[in-house]
Amino acid sequence: MNQGHAVAVHRIEFGVDWPPGHVACYLVDAAEPVLVDAGTPQGLAGGEETATFRAGLAEAGYEPEDIEHLVVTHPHVDHVGQVPTVLEAGDPTVYAPAGVRERFARDADALADRVRANASAYGLTGETLDREVAAAVESLERDRDLLPPDRVDVWLEPGRVELGPLDATAVHTPGHQADHLAYLLDDDVLLSGDTAMAPFRPVLLHDGMDDGHTEAFPGAFAALDRLAEHDPERVYPGHGEVHDRLDEVVERDRGKLTSRLDRVESLVADGNDTLHAVAAALTPSVETRRMFSETMSALAHLEREGRIERETVEGCTGSDDPLRRGLFRPRRGRRRTEVHPRGVRAVCRTADRRVRPARGRARPLEIRARRALQGARGDRVPDRPRGLPEGDDRAVRRVAPARGRVARDAGGGERRDDPAGAGRGRGRPGVAELGVHVGVVSDIDTAEAHDLLDRFGIEGHVDAVTTSEAVGHTKPDARMYEDALAKWGGDAADGVMVGDRYDHDVAGAVDAGLDAIAYGPDAYGPKATHEIADMREVPGVVRGE
């Protein structure tokens, strides 16, 4: 029976120790209550998980024993944690993706063997390798204890499905997890699990370092294509706020996946020639091992596309890097696979696996970063917005300079290669000379934000970074600006936001109490307190000129 618009969807939120600090499951208040996902297990973060679950159900007027249908998007610990609570309290019909049945039937020793073989082929050895193997086995055993396969009543395949009283479409959305299903109800409500999340792109875990790691990126791109075929009115994700921007999020994630592949290729070209080296350079602010699975999948995908290559050779060249010297020890006469420039073969006596770019490949992210840096330095001046003639001095009102530290070089002089000082060399000081606090507020993953700032050479000139991943919400939500203001310690009335999108940057900032400098025609609008056509005008606006 299709309930369509007749149902209400209640969100139950649990705290977690990783961004964005929460995970959500949903109670669909249909003729027979349907719970989609089940939050975190008792003791995962804080020890109040079961009480949180019961309180969330009670707010909707239910107890665990009232749940008649329990639907799982994917079997990760933060989505099946309270399944035992529901099963102990009642006898619900349980639904899970069909692929989980085969995955949970996997022999733990067989999984350990495959993970060890795959991870060691990418250069992991010693304690690092042992830890990843143990983590894979622990994850398998923990997740199938929380979601016992023999308690699953309906194994769901993609397509039209019945979830008790609800007619739905199960959309296969792998990438984050290989078997992941999102559920579209009556074409207007999407229960998306760990896909289509507004604050950030989900990391590609797929099946970890098991044999399916080679399919993570193709699977993720295919998932986005499938999601793009639908137009729900509301999206209910496992992390981040409920939103109505599926098309925007899908396009953003598609771009981020492409950028991630470009970045990995660029790092390989820079000489990061092992899985560990690439993962460490990819997101320096994140624990390296958390990026092993996605990095391994990216390398496999780049190899498949011919952007990097592998050949079987007799060893490799040596390295003075202490980490590599500790990880990779010589094995006389051992042959191993090497990824290196097309047509180049190297011979030595070590047995590590190293990666190299295919010869002649461009490094697009580095090129884009270099061009952006040139623009920030003033080497290229953006075109004036259409409709704004030369010499048109738009009225601006005074903004009190924000209080904060002064960003200067060691000698106190000008740094002409400093993008934070855009406008220098033309008789105008840059932002860094004004004694202001400079913060970044962006709908981006935290690690990616720091990576971009570092590559552009400006992280040292930024006092604080606020990301949608860390806050759990996206602009124009006031909580983004509140977080940025808290990191500064100043008042909204003394701050100013610079942005190039009206709804997200300008209107959101003004609604939060800040002034807003609108950069470019896409940002112009009635709430803008200042409109500029060139970023080098920002220091003058801040000074009140």
Foldseek 3Di string as FASTA:
>chain_A
DACPPVWDKFWQWDAADFWQGIFIWIWIRDPQIETEFDAAAAPRPDRCRVVSRQVSQVVVPDGLQSHAFYEYQDQFRGGLRCVVVSVVNHQHAYEYAQVVLVVLVDDLVVQLVQLLVQQVQQFFDDPRSVVQSVVLSVRSVVSCVSVPPVSHRYHDDAQWDDRDPFIWGWQQAAQLAQRGTWIGTPLAEIAHEQCQAQQEHRHGCHSNSGPCLLCNLVRNLVSLVRQVVGQHCWYRYGFFDIDRPSVVSSVVNVVVSVVLLLQLLVVQQVPQWGLQSSQCLQQVVDDSVVNSSRSSNSVSNCCVVVFKHKDKAADADDDPDPVSCVRKDFDAPDIGMEIAEPPDGGHDGIHGYTIHTHPPDDRVVLVVLVVVLCVLLVVDWDDFAPPQDPPDDDDFFAAAAAADAADADPVRDDDSSASQQRPPPVPDGGPSHPNHAAEAQESYDPSVVVSSCVSNPHPSVHQYYFGCRHNRYAFLPLSSVVVVCVSRVDDQSRAEWEDAAQRGTQVSSVVNPHAYEHEYPNNDDDRHNHYDPTPSCVVVRNRGD
